[in-house]
PDB file of N, CA and C in Angstrom:
ATOM      1  N   LEU A   1       0.792  -1.208  -0.592  1.00  0.00           N
ATOM      2  CA  LEU A   1       0.265  -0.156   0.321  1.00  0.00           C
ATOM      3  C   LEU A   1       0.753   1.331  -0.044  1.00  0.00           C
ATOM      4  N   PRO A   2       0.313   2.171  -0.663  1.00  0.00           N
ATOM      5  CA  PRO A   2       1.614   3.824  -0.866  1.00  0.00           C
ATOM      6  C   PRO A   2       1.543   4.006   0.492  1.00  0.00           C
ATOM      7  N   LYS A   3       1.815   4.884   0.740  1.00  0.00           N
ATOM      8  CA  LYS A   3       2.738   5.863   2.540  1.00  0.00           C
ATOM      9  C   LYS A   3       1.670   6.448   2.475  1.00  0.00           C
ATOM     10  N   GLY A   4       0.713   6.174   3.534  1.00  0.00           N
ATOM     11  CA  GLY A   4      -0.182   7.296   4.148  1.00  0.00           C
ATOM     12  C   GLY A   4      -1.657   6.786   3.226  1.00  0.00           C
ATOM     13  N   GLU A   5      -1.642   5.532   3.679  1.00  0.00           N
ATOM     14  CA  GLU A   5      -2.771   5.322   2.845  1.00  0.00           C
ATOM     15  C   GLU A   5      -3.763   4.826   4.137  1.00  0.00           C
ATOM     16  N   GLY A   6      -2.949   4.104   5.615  1.00  0.00           N
ATOM     17  CA  GLY A   6      -3.615   4.139   6.674  1.00  0.00           C
ATOM     18  C   GLY A   6      -3.355   2.520   6.431  1.00  0.00           C
ATOM     19  N   ASP A   7      -4.446   1.892   8.106  1.00  0.00           N
ATOM     20  CA  ASP A   7      -4.001   0.930   8.380  1.00  0.00           C
ATOM     21  C   ASP A   7      -4.939  -0.052   7.384  1.00  0.00           C
ATOM     22  N   LEU A   8      -4.434  -1.330   7.030  1.00  0.00           N
ATOM     23  CA  LEU A   8      -5.960  -2.139   6.124  1.00  0.00           C
ATOM     24  C   LEU A   8      -7.381  -1.715   7.041  1.00  0.00           C
ATOM     25  N   ASP A   9      -7.207  -2.080   8.206  1.00  0.00           N
ATOM     26  CA  ASP A   9      -8.601  -2.436   8.967  1.00  0.00           C
ATOM     27  C   ASP A   9      -8.714  -1.027  10.003  1.00  0.00           C
ATOM     28  N   GLY A  10      -8.175  -0.190   9.387  1.00  0.00           N
ATOM     29  CA  GLY A  10      -8.175   1.020  11.219  1.00  0.00           C
ATOM     30  C   GLY A  10      -7.685   0.470  12.270  1.00  0.00           C
ATOM     31  N   GLY A  11      -7.134  -0.696  12.596  1.00  0.00           N
ATOM     32  CA  GLY A  11      -7.137  -1.168  14.005  1.00  0.00           C
ATOM     33  C   GLY A  11      -5.374  -1.341  14.182  1.00  0.00           C
ATOM     34  N   GLY A  12      -4.386  -0.886  13.575  1.00  0.00           N
ATOM     35  CA  GLY A  12      -3.185  -1.010  14.358  1.00  0.00           C
ATOM     36  C   GLY A  12      -2.903  -2.266  13.207  1.00  0.00           C
ATOM     37  N   THR A  13      -1.416  -2.490  13.337  1.00  0.00           N
ATOM     38  CA  THR A  13      -1.053  -3.532  11.869  1.00  0.00           C
ATOM     39  C   THR A  13       0.401  -4.598  13.237  1.00  0.00           C
ATOM     40  N   GLY A  14       0.315  -3.924  14.668  1.00  0.00           N
ATOM     41  CA  GLY A  14       1.091  -4.553  15.477  1.00  0.00           C
ATOM     42  C   GLY A  14       2.400  -4.450  14.618  1.00  0.00           C
ATOM     43  N   GLY A  15       3.073  -3.699  13.738  1.00  0.00           N
ATOM     44  CA  GLY A  15       4.070  -3.753  13.607  1.00  0.00           C
ATOM     45  C   GLY A  15       4.296  -4.319  11.712  1.00  0.00           C
ATOM     46  N   TRP A  16       3.527  -4.696  11.578  1.00  0.00           N
ATOM     47  CA  TRP A  16       3.612  -5.494  10.037  1.00  0.00           C
ATOM     48  C   TRP A  16       3.219  -4.089   9.066  1.00  0.00           C
ATOM     49  N   SER A  17       3.956  -4.139   7.835  1.00  0.00           N
ATOM     50  CA  SER A  17       3.724  -3.465   6.932  1.00  0.00           C
ATOM     51  C   SER A  17       2.478  -3.830   6.602  1.00  0.00           C
ATOM     52  N   GLU A  18       1.791  -2.856   5.851  1.00  0.00           N
ATOM     53  CA  GLU A  18       0.016  -3.348   5.765  1.00  0.00           C
ATOM     54  C   GLU A  18      -0.197  -3.900   4.545  1.00  0.00           C
ATOM     55  N   GLN A  19       0.905  -3.774   3.518  1.00  0.00           N
ATOM     56  CA  GLN A  19       1.183  -4.878   2.397  1.00  0.00           C
ATOM     57  C   GLN A  19       1.210  -6.362   2.626  1.00  0.00           C
ATOM     58  N   SER A  20       2.018  -6.538   4.065  1.00  0.00           N
ATOM     59  CA  SER A  20       2.673  -8.195   4.677  1.00  0.00           C
ATOM     60  C   SER A  20       1.109  -8.223   5.592  1.00  0.00           C
ATOM     61  N   LEU A  21       0.505  -7.482   5.967  1.00  0.00           N
ATOM     62  CA  LEU A  21      -0.462  -8.021   6.682  1.00  0.00           C
ATOM     63  C   LEU A  21      -1.211  -8.376   5.816  1.00  0.00           C
ATOM     64  N   PHE A  22      -1.922  -7.816   4.977  1.00  0.00           N
ATOM     65  CA  PHE A  22      -2.782  -8.200   3.523  1.00  0.00           C
ATOM     66  C   PHE A  22      -2.513  -9.440   3.090  1.00  0.00           C
ATOM     67  N   LYS A  23      -1.381  -9.634   2.513  1.00  0.00           N
ATOM     68  CA  LYS A  23      -0.746 -10.980   2.484  1.00  0.00           C
ATOM     69  C   LYS A  23      -0.904 -12.202   2.591  1.00  0.00           C
ATOM     70  N   ALA A  24      -0.578 -11.909   4.204  1.00  0.00           N
ATOM     71  CA  ALA A  24      -0.473 -13.259   5.405  1.00  0.00           C
ATOM     72  C   ALA A  24      -2.160 -13.265   5.131  1.00  0.00           C
ATOM     73  N   ARG A  25      -3.223 -12.139   4.938  1.00  0.00           N
ATOM     74  CA  ARG A  25      -4.095 -12.401   5.493  1.00  0.00           C
ATOM     75  C   ARG A  25      -5.500 -13.109   4.437  1.00  0.00           C
ATOM     76  N   LEU A  26      -4.661 -12.707   3.436  1.00  0.00           N
ATOM     77  CA  LEU A  26      -5.171 -12.902   2.000  1.00  0.00           C
ATOM     78  C   LEU A  26      -4.692 -14.509   2.077  1.00  0.00           C
ATOM     79  N   ALA A  27      -3.365 -14.970   2.593  1.00  0.00           N
ATOM     80  CA  ALA A  27      -2.837 -16.333   2.198  1.00  0.00           C
ATOM     81  C   ALA A  27      -3.874 -17.349   3.436  1.00  0.00           C
ATOM     82  N   ALA A  28      -4.155 -17.140   4.450  1.00  0.00           N
ATOM     83  CA  ALA A  28      -5.247 -17.522   5.205  1.00  0.00           C
ATOM     84  C   ALA A  28      -6.736 -17.909   5.133  1.00  0.00           C
ATOM     85  N   VAL A  29      -7.106 -16.822   3.980  1.00  0.00           N
ATOM     86  CA  VAL A  29      -8.386 -17.381   3.587  1.00  0.00           C
ATOM     87  C   VAL A  29      -8.199 -17.781   2.296  1.00  0.00           C
ATOM     88  N   LEU A  30      -7.036 -17.933   1.436  1.00  0.00           N
ATOM     89  CA  LEU A  30      -7.214 -18.819   0.204  1.00  0.00           C
ATOM     90  C   LEU A  30      -7.064 -20.621   0.613  1.00  0.00           C
ATOM     91  N   LEU A  31      -5.858 -20.381   1.915  1.00  0.00           N
ATOM     92  CA  LEU A  31      -5.969 -21.776   2.492  1.00  0.00           C
ATOM     93  C   LEU A  31      -6.970 -22.620   2.881  1.00  0.00           C
ATOM     94  N   GLU A  32      -8.191 -22.135   3.179  1.00  0.00           N
ATOM     95  CA  GLU A  32      -9.070 -22.250   3.682  1.00  0.00           C
ATOM     96  C   GLU A  32     -10.459 -23.534   2.746  1.00  0.00           C
ATOM     97  N   TYR A  33      -9.674 -22.848   1.181  1.00  0.00           N
ATOM     98  CA  TYR A  33     -10.392 -23.643   0.427  1.00  0.00           C
ATOM     99  C   TYR A  33      -9.095 -25.003  -0.013  1.00  0.00           C
ATOM    100  N   HIS A  34      -8.009 -25.050   0.415  1.00  0.00           N
ATOM    101  CA  HIS A  34      -7.207 -26.058  -0.439  1.00  0.00           C
ATOM    102  C   HIS A  34      -6.945 -26.230  -1.258  1.00  0.00           C
ATOM    103  N   ASP A  35      -7.219 -26.851  -2.257  1.00  0.00           N
ATOM    104  CA  ASP A  35      -6.795 -27.367  -3.709  1.00  0.00           C
ATOM    105  C   ASP A  35      -7.877 -26.704  -4.534  1.00  0.00           C
ATOM    106  N   GLY A  36      -8.662 -26.550  -3.739  1.00  0.00           N
ATOM    107  CA  GLY A  36      -9.939 -26.077  -4.933  1.00  0.00           C
ATOM    108  C   GLY A  36      -9.809 -24.904  -5.266  1.00  0.00           C
ATOM    109  N   GLY A  37      -9.029 -23.742  -4.356  1.00  0.00           N
ATOM    110  CA  GLY A  37      -9.151 -22.466  -5.208  1.00  0.00           C
ATOM    111  C   GLY A  37     -10.340 -21.958  -4.353  1.00  0.00           C
ATOM    112  N   ILE A  38     -10.125 -20.860  -4.485  1.00  0.00           N
ATOM    113  CA  ILE A  38     -11.607 -19.985  -4.530  1.00  0.00           C
ATOM    114  C   ILE A  38     -12.281 -18.950  -5.578  1.00  0.00           C
ATOM    115  N   PRO A  39     -13.361 -18.907  -5.475  1.00  0.00           N
ATOM    116  CA  PRO A  39     -13.425 -18.073  -6.792  1.00  0.00           C
ATOM    117  C   PRO A  39     -13.537 -16.856  -6.588  1.00  0.00           C
ATOM    118  N   LEU A  40     -12.736 -15.946  -7.231  1.00  0.00           N
ATOM    119  CA  LEU A  40     -12.322 -14.496  -7.073  1.00  0.00           C
ATOM    120  C   LEU A  40     -14.012 -13.886  -6.707  1.00  0.00           C
ATOM    121  N   ALA A  41     -14.891 -13.949  -7.314  1.00  0.00           N
ATOM    122  CA  ALA A  41     -16.042 -13.348  -6.636  1.00  0.00           C
ATOM    123  C   ALA A  41     -16.529 -13.621  -5.763  1.00  0.00           C
ATOM    124  N   ASN A  42     -16.023 -14.501  -4.694  1.00  0.00           N
ATOM    125  CA  ASN A  42     -16.278 -14.693  -3.917  1.00  0.00           C
ATOM    126  C   ASN A  42     -15.307 -14.477  -2.883  1.00  0.00           C
ATOM    127  N   LEU A  43     -13.888 -13.947  -2.799  1.00  0.00           N
ATOM    128  CA  LEU A  43     -12.875 -13.387  -1.873  1.00  0.00           C
ATOM    129  C   LEU A  43     -13.741 -12.553  -1.565  1.00  0.00           C
ATOM    130  N   SER A  44     -14.116 -11.154  -1.817  1.00  0.00           N
ATOM    131  CA  SER A  44     -14.191 -10.294  -0.796  1.00  0.00           C
ATOM    132  C   SER A  44     -15.493 -10.688   0.390  1.00  0.00           C
ATOM    133  N   LYS A  45     -16.045 -11.773  -0.042  1.00  0.00           N
ATOM    134  CA  LYS A  45     -17.185 -11.984   1.053  1.00  0.00           C
ATOM    135  C   LYS A  45     -16.510 -13.004   2.273  1.00  0.00           C
ATOM    136  N   LYS A  46     -15.658 -13.874   1.332  1.00  0.00           N
ATOM    137  CA  LYS A  46     -14.829 -14.403   2.458  1.00  0.00           C
ATOM    138  C   LYS A  46     -14.035 -13.702   3.607  1.00  0.00           C
ATOM    139  N   TYR A  47     -12.933 -12.512   2.668  1.00  0.00           N
ATOM    140  CA  TYR A  47     -12.413 -12.287   3.197  1.00  0.00           C
ATOM    141  C   TYR A  47     -13.164 -11.246   4.496  1.00  0.00           C
ATOM    142  N   ARG A  48     -14.348 -10.798   4.336  1.00  0.00           N
ATOM    143  CA  ARG A  48     -15.086  -9.970   5.536  1.00  0.00           C
ATOM    144  C   ARG A  48     -15.281 -11.653   6.567  1.00  0.00           C
ATOM    145  N   GLN A  49     -15.493 -12.385   5.838  1.00  0.00           N
ATOM    146  CA  GLN A  49     -16.441 -13.132   6.793  1.00  0.00           C
ATOM    147  C   GLN A  49     -15.264 -13.711   8.173  1.00  0.00           C
ATOM    148  N   VAL A  50     -13.801 -13.783   7.422  1.00  0.00           N
ATOM    149  CA  VAL A  50     -12.976 -14.230   8.662  1.00  0.00           C
ATOM    150  C   VAL A  50     -11.708 -13.493   9.117  1.00  0.00           C
ATOM    151  N   TRP A  51     -11.999 -12.030   8.761  1.00  0.00           N
ATOM    152  CA  TRP A  51     -11.408 -11.295   9.194  1.00  0.00           C
ATOM    153  C   TRP A  51     -12.486  -9.914   9.835  1.00  0.00           C
ATOM    154  N   GLY A  52     -13.468  -9.520   9.398  1.00  0.00           N
ATOM    155  CA  GLY A  52     -14.605  -8.559  10.020  1.00  0.00           C
ATOM    156  C   GLY A  52     -14.097  -7.572   9.672  1.00  0.00           C
ATOM    157  N   VAL A  53     -13.477  -7.608   8.528  1.00  0.00           N
ATOM    158  CA  VAL A  53     -13.315  -5.889   7.510  1.00  0.00           C
ATOM    159  C   VAL A  53     -13.075  -6.590   6.412  1.00  0.00           C
ATOM    160  N   ASP A  54     -13.117  -4.928   5.490  1.00  0.00           N
ATOM    161  CA  ASP A  54     -14.197  -5.241   4.226  1.00  0.00           C
ATOM    162  C   ASP A  54     -12.211  -5.570   3.400  1.00  0.00           C
ATOM    163  N   LEU A  55     -12.740  -6.032   2.363  1.00  0.00           N
ATOM    164  CA  LEU A  55     -11.090  -6.287   1.772  1.00  0.00           C
ATOM    165  C   LEU A  55     -11.038  -5.199   0.788  1.00  0.00           C
ATOM    166  N   PRO A  56      -9.452  -4.578   1.444  1.00  0.00           N
ATOM    167  CA  PRO A  56      -9.414  -3.433   0.688  1.00  0.00           C
ATOM    168  C   PRO A  56      -9.706  -3.193  -0.517  1.00  0.00           C
ATOM    169  N   PRO A  57      -9.659  -1.948  -1.060  1.00  0.00           N
ATOM    170  CA  PRO A  57      -9.757  -1.799  -2.852  1.00  0.00           C
ATOM    171  C   PRO A  57      -8.606  -1.755  -3.328  1.00  0.00           C
ATOM    172  N   ALA A  58      -8.976  -1.663  -4.682  1.00  0.00           N
ATOM    173  CA  ALA A  58      -7.542  -2.051  -5.455  1.00  0.00           C
ATOM    174  C   ALA A  58      -6.774  -1.086  -5.891  1.00  0.00           C
ATOM    175  N   GLN A  59      -7.908   0.184  -5.710  1.00  0.00           N
ATOM    176  CA  GLN A  59      -7.088   1.511  -5.668  1.00  0.00           C
ATOM    177  C   GLN A  59      -6.070   1.647  -4.551  1.00  0.00           C
ATOM    178  N   ALA A  60      -6.266   1.072  -3.280  1.00  0.00           N
ATOM    179  CA  ALA A  60      -5.536   1.710  -1.757  1.00  0.00           C
ATOM    180  C   ALA A  60      -4.181   0.191  -2.542  1.00  0.00           C
ATOM    181  N   PHE A  61      -3.845  -0.582  -3.414  1.00  0.00           N
ATOM    182  CA  PHE A  61      -2.567  -0.784  -4.584  1.00  0.00           C
ATOM    183  C   PHE A  61      -2.634  -0.284  -5.346  1.00  0.00           C
ATOM    184  N   ARG A  62      -2.769   1.075  -5.753  1.00  0.00           N
ATOM    185  CA  ARG A  62      -2.891   2.018  -7.366  1.00  0.00           C
ATOM    186  C   ARG A  62      -2.995   1.023  -8.141  1.00  0.00           C
ATOM    187  N   ARG A  63      -4.391  -0.216  -8.236  1.00  0.00           N
ATOM    188  CA  ARG A  63      -4.608  -0.678  -9.204  1.00  0.00           C
ATOM    189  C   ARG A  63      -6.026  -0.457  -9.417  1.00  0.00           C
ATOM    190  N   ARG A  64      -6.903  -0.453 -10.847  1.00  0.00           N
ATOM    191  CA  ARG A  64      -7.875  -0.533 -10.986  1.00  0.00           C
ATOM    192  C   ARG A  64      -8.427  -1.370 -10.130  1.00  0.00           C
ATOM    193  N   LYS A  65      -8.548  -2.577 -11.132  1.00  0.00           N
ATOM    194  CA  LYS A  65      -9.193  -3.898 -10.314  1.00  0.00           C
ATOM    195  C   LYS A  65      -8.046  -4.478  -9.489  1.00  0.00           C
ATOM    196  N   MET A  66      -9.493  -5.502  -8.627  1.00  0.00           N
ATOM    197  CA  MET A  66      -8.504  -6.653  -7.252  1.00  0.00           C
ATOM    198  C   MET A  66      -7.716  -7.393  -8.226  1.00  0.00           C
ATOM    199  N   ILE A  67      -8.114  -7.775  -9.550  1.00  0.00           N
ATOM    200  CA  ILE A  67      -7.670  -9.100 -10.049  1.00  0.00           C
ATOM    201  C   ILE A  67      -5.625  -8.421 -11.114  1.00  0.00           C
ATOM    202  N   GLN A  68      -5.655  -7.331 -10.763  1.00  0.00           N
ATOM    203  CA  GLN A  68      -4.525  -6.718 -11.075  1.00  0.00           C
ATOM    204  C   GLN A  68      -3.782  -6.221  -9.612  1.00  0.00           C
ATOM    205  N   VAL A  69      -4.060  -6.058  -8.873  1.00  0.00           N
ATOM    206  CA  VAL A  69      -3.458  -6.645  -7.444  1.00  0.00           C
ATOM    207  C   VAL A  69      -2.541  -8.059  -7.255  1.00  0.00           C
ATOM    208  N   LEU A  70      -3.966  -9.083  -7.323  1.00  0.00           N
ATOM    209  CA  LEU A  70      -3.776 -10.230  -6.931  1.00  0.00           C
ATOM    210  C   LEU A  70      -2.739 -10.983  -7.993  1.00  0.00           C
ATOM    211  N   ARG A  71      -2.539 -10.580  -9.160  1.00  0.00           N
ATOM    212  CA  ARG A  71      -1.887 -11.008 -10.084  1.00  0.00           C
ATOM    213  C   ARG A  71      -0.406 -10.563  -9.934  1.00  0.00           C
ATOM    214  N   ASN A  72      -0.521  -9.134  -9.611  1.00  0.00           N
ATOM    215  CA  ASN A  72       1.693  -8.941  -8.838  1.00  0.00           C
ATOM    216  C   ASN A  72       1.596  -9.235  -7.306  1.00  0.00           C
ATOM    217  N   MET A  73       0.852 -10.446  -7.104  1.00  0.00           N
ATOM    218  CA  MET A  73       1.331 -11.116  -5.804  1.00  0.00           C
ATOM    219  C   MET A  73       1.773 -12.888  -5.935  1.00  0.00           C
ATOM    220  N   PRO A  74       1.956 -12.579  -6.766  1.00  0.00           N
ATOM    221  CA  PRO A  74       2.861 -14.341  -6.940  1.00  0.00           C
ATOM    222  C   PRO A  74       3.246 -14.796  -6.069  1.00  0.00           C
ATOM    223  N   ASP A  75       3.985 -14.443  -4.962  1.00  0.00           N
ATOM    224  CA  ASP A  75       4.437 -14.978  -3.773  1.00  0.00           C
ATOM    225  C   ASP A  75       3.283 -15.638  -2.623  1.00  0.00           C
ATOM    226  N   VAL A  76       2.193 -15.506  -3.100  1.00  0.00           N
ATOM    227  CA  VAL A  76       0.986 -15.636  -1.926  1.00  0.00           C
ATOM    228  C   VAL A  76      -0.142 -16.148  -2.813  1.00  0.00           C
ATOM    229  N   VAL A  77      -0.423 -16.033  -4.076  1.00  0.00           N
ATOM    230  CA  VAL A  77      -1.794 -16.179  -5.196  1.00  0.00           C
ATOM    231  C   VAL A  77      -1.376 -16.859  -6.370  1.00  0.00           C
ATOM    232  N   LYS A  78      -1.938 -17.670  -6.823  1.00  0.00           N
ATOM    233  CA  LYS A  78      -1.758 -18.123  -8.315  1.00  0.00           C
ATOM    234  C   LYS A  78      -3.396 -17.997  -8.509  1.00  0.00           C
ATOM    235  N   VAL A  79      -3.191 -17.182 -10.235  1.00  0.00           N
ATOM    236  CA  VAL A  79      -4.198 -16.654 -10.443  1.00  0.00           C
ATOM    237  C   VAL A  79      -4.754 -17.885 -11.881  1.00  0.00           C
ATOM    238  N   VAL A  80      -6.082 -18.743 -11.763  1.00  0.00           N
ATOM    239  CA  VAL A  80      -6.104 -19.151 -12.771  1.00  0.00           C
ATOM    240  C   VAL A  80      -7.671 -19.236 -13.466  1.00  0.00           C
ATOM    241  N   GLN A  81      -7.262 -19.441 -14.707  1.00  0.00           N
ATOM    242  CA  GLN A  81      -8.756 -19.149 -15.743  1.00  0.00           C
ATOM    243  C   GLN A  81      -9.016 -20.305 -15.802  1.00  0.00           C
ATOM    244  N   THR A  82     -10.692 -20.715 -15.703  1.00  0.00           N
ATOM    245  CA  THR A  82     -11.392 -22.235 -15.854  1.00  0.00           C
ATOM    246  C   THR A  82     -11.195 -22.016 -17.440  1.00  0.00           C
ATOM    247  N   HIS A  83     -11.933 -23.703 -17.195  1.00  0.00           N
ATOM    248  CA  HIS A  83     -12.128 -23.474 -19.401  1.00  0.00           C
ATOM    249  C   HIS A  83     -13.697 -22.915 -18.971  1.00  0.00           C
ATOM    250  N   ALA A  84     -14.439 -22.815 -18.055  1.00  0.00           N
ATOM    251  CA  ALA A  84     -15.799 -22.159 -17.836  1.00  0.00           C
ATOM    252  C   ALA A  84     -15.392 -20.546 -17.772  1.00  0.00           C
ATOM    253  N   ASN A  85     -13.888 -20.321 -18.090  1.00  0.00           N
ATOM    254  CA  ASN A  85     -13.606 -18.401 -17.561  1.00  0.00           C
ATOM    255  C   ASN A  85     -13.973 -18.172 -15.854  1.00  0.00           C
ATOM    256  N   HIS A  86     -13.731 -18.875 -15.687  1.00  0.00           N
ATOM    257  CA  HIS A  86     -14.316 -18.211 -13.942  1.00  0.00           C
ATOM    258  C   HIS A  86     -12.895 -18.137 -13.665  1.00  0.00           C
ATOM    259  N   THR A  87     -12.587 -17.125 -12.355  1.00  0.00           N
ATOM    260  CA  THR A  87     -11.072 -17.010 -12.318  1.00  0.00           C
ATOM    261  C   THR A  87     -11.063 -17.212 -10.730  1.00  0.00           C
ATOM    262  N   MET A  88     -10.135 -18.715 -10.538  1.00  0.00           N
ATOM    263  CA  MET A  88     -10.043 -19.333  -9.180  1.00  0.00           C
ATOM    264  C   MET A  88      -8.891 -18.532  -8.963  1.00  0.00           C
ATOM    265  N   LEU A  89      -8.558 -18.501  -7.467  1.00  0.00           N
ATOM    266  CA  LEU A  89      -7.322 -18.202  -6.819  1.00  0.00           C
ATOM    267  C   LEU A  89      -6.999 -19.441  -5.892  1.00  0.00           C
ATOM    268  N   HIS A  90      -4.985 -19.863  -6.247  1.00  0.00           N
ATOM    269  CA  HIS A  90      -5.493 -20.738  -5.290  1.00  0.00           C
ATOM    270  C   HIS A  90      -3.296 -20.097  -4.545  1.00  0.00           C
ATOM    271  N   CYS A  91      -3.973 -20.451  -2.921  1.00  0.00           N
ATOM    272  CA  CYS A  91      -2.535 -19.949  -1.921  1.00  0.00           C
ATOM    273  C   CYS A  91      -1.459 -20.710  -2.641  1.00  0.00           C
ATOM    274  N   VAL A  92      -0.589 -20.342  -2.470  1.00  0.00           N
ATOM    275  CA  VAL A  92       0.706 -21.150  -3.007  1.00  0.00           C
ATOM    276  C   VAL A  92       1.361 -21.320  -1.878  1.00  0.00           C
ATOM    277  N   LYS A  93       1.347 -21.125  -0.800  1.00  0.00           N
ATOM    278  CA  LYS A  93       2.170 -20.629   0.673  1.00  0.00           C
ATOM    279  C   LYS A  93       1.035 -22.055   1.414  1.00  0.00           C
ATOM    280  N   THR A  94       1.990 -22.576   2.072  1.00  0.00           N
ATOM    281  CA  THR A  94       1.058 -23.332   3.057  1.00  0.00           C
ATOM    282  C   THR A  94       0.925 -22.993   4.175  1.00  0.00           C
ATOM    283  N   ARG A  95       0.156 -23.651   5.416  1.00  0.00           N
ATOM    284  CA  ARG A  95       0.025 -23.166   6.837  1.00  0.00           C
ATOM    285  C   ARG A  95       1.477 -22.878   7.316  1.00  0.00           C
ATOM    286  N   GLU A  96       2.317 -23.774   7.192  1.00  0.00           N
ATOM    287  CA  GLU A  96       3.533 -23.774   7.539  1.00  0.00           C
ATOM    288  C   GLU A  96       4.301 -22.541   6.921  1.00  0.00           C
ATOM    289  N   ASP A  97       4.419 -22.086   6.045  1.00  0.00           N
ATOM    290  CA  ASP A  97       4.935 -20.503   5.521  1.00  0.00           C
ATOM    291  C   ASP A  97       4.768 -20.065   6.380  1.00  0.00           C
ATOM    292  N   LEU A  98       2.847 -19.505   6.405  1.00  0.00           N
ATOM    293  CA  LEU A  98       2.624 -18.670   7.583  1.00  0.00           C
ATOM    294  C   LEU A  98       2.986 -18.738   8.930  1.00  0.00           C
ATOM    295  N   LYS A  99       3.119 -19.993   9.295  1.00  0.00           N
ATOM    296  CA  LYS A  99       3.266 -20.244  11.002  1.00  0.00           C
ATOM    297  C   LYS A  99       4.860 -19.552  10.722  1.00  0.00           C
ATOM    298  N   LEU A 100       5.623 -19.859  10.216  1.00  0.00           N
ATOM    299  CA  LEU A 100       6.954 -19.656  10.087  1.00  0.00           C
ATOM    300  C   LEU A 100       6.833 -18.072  10.017  1.00  0.00           C
ATOM    301  N   ALA A 101       6.444 -17.095   8.938  1.00  0.00           N
ATOM    302  CA  ALA A 101       6.503 -15.880   8.568  1.00  0.00           C
ATOM    303  C   ALA A 101       6.667 -15.174   9.840  1.00  0.00           C
ATOM    304  N   ILE A 102       5.270 -15.865  10.635  1.00  0.00           N
ATOM    305  CA  ILE A 102       4.571 -15.054  11.905  1.00  0.00           C
ATOM    306  C   ILE A 102       5.766 -15.188  12.827  1.00  0.00           C
ATOM    307  N   GLU A 103       6.227 -16.068  13.225  1.00  0.00           N
ATOM    308  CA  GLU A 103       7.251 -16.348  13.916  1.00  0.00           C
ATOM    309  C   GLU A 103       8.793 -15.165  13.632  1.00  0.00           C
ATOM    310  N   ASP A 104       8.965 -15.497  12.127  1.00  0.00           N
ATOM    311  CA  ASP A 104       9.874 -14.721  11.772  1.00  0.00           C
ATOM    312  C   ASP A 104       9.820 -13.538  12.272  1.00  0.00           C
ATOM    313  N   ASP A 105       8.659 -12.727  12.008  1.00  0.00           N
ATOM    314  CA  ASP A 105       8.477 -11.211  12.244  1.00  0.00           C
ATOM    315  C   ASP A 105       8.566 -11.356  13.948  1.00  0.00           C
ATOM    316  N   MET A 106       7.652 -12.151  14.531  1.00  0.00           N
ATOM    317  CA  MET A 106       8.223 -11.808  16.056  1.00  0.00           C
ATOM    318  C   MET A 106       9.565 -11.592  16.542  1.00  0.00           C
ATOM    319  N   ARG A 107       9.996 -12.523  15.992  1.00  0.00           N
ATOM    320  CA  ARG A 107      11.707 -12.652  16.452  1.00  0.00           C
ATOM    321  C   ARG A 107      12.058 -11.022  16.175  1.00  0.00           C
ATOM    322  N   ALA A 108      11.744 -11.010  14.480  1.00  0.00           N
ATOM    323  CA  ALA A 108      12.807  -9.197  14.363  1.00  0.00           C
ATOM    324  C   ALA A 108      11.807  -8.296  15.760  1.00  0.00           C
ATOM    325  N   ARG A 109      10.496  -8.493  15.830  1.00  0.00           N
ATOM    326  CA  ARG A 109      10.352  -7.287  16.798  1.00  0.00           C
ATOM    327  C   ARG A 109      10.794  -7.259  18.129  1.00  0.00           C
ATOM    328  N   ASN A 110      10.843  -8.666  18.662  1.00  0.00           N
ATOM    329  CA  ASN A 110      11.601  -8.467  19.439  1.00  0.00           C
ATOM    330  C   ASN A 110      12.569  -8.237  19.642  1.00  0.00           C
ATOM    331  N   ALA A 111      13.564  -8.770  18.830  1.00  0.00           N
ATOM    332  CA  ALA A 111      15.273  -7.652  19.005  1.00  0.00           C
ATOM    333  C   ALA A 111      15.255  -6.554  18.290  1.00  0.00           C
ATOM    334  N   GLU A 112      14.231  -6.040  17.707  1.00  0.00           N
ATOM    335  CA  GLU A 112      14.102  -4.162  18.070  1.00  0.00           C
ATOM    336  C   GLU A 112      14.006  -3.741  19.382  1.00  0.00           C
ATOM    337  N   SER A 113      13.466  -4.314  20.069  1.00  0.00           N
ATOM    338  CA  SER A 113      12.565  -3.433  20.966  1.00  0.00           C
ATOM    339  C   SER A 113      13.737  -3.619  22.219  1.00  0.00           C
ATOM    340  N   ASP A 114      14.697  -5.379  21.358  1.00  0.00           N
ATOM    341  CA  ASP A 114      16.042  -4.932  23.005  1.00  0.00           C
ATOM    342  C   ASP A 114      17.400  -4.305  23.000  1.00  0.00           C
TER     343      ASP A 114
END
């Protein structure tokens, strides 16, 4: 997110950058769908159900459409067009990847405070 856009949910990020927090939240939502993926059309609703906040608008990432945002995050999401022309989203991370990222972030924050 561009500097000055504020926190994704207005509630603070706990030391994470807004983009890192968004990526972690996005990965957690996508992981709920395992190998089947989630239709892009359902992402906003599911994100709100899981996190209690709206999916940030594409404009917060300086893009016109969310699909453009997602295609620029290949480290988190794989965007797949089906034969029926539906856009499906798959997480490229595992639950273990997320756990390690959170632990690394916590260690880094603890080291900064020492």
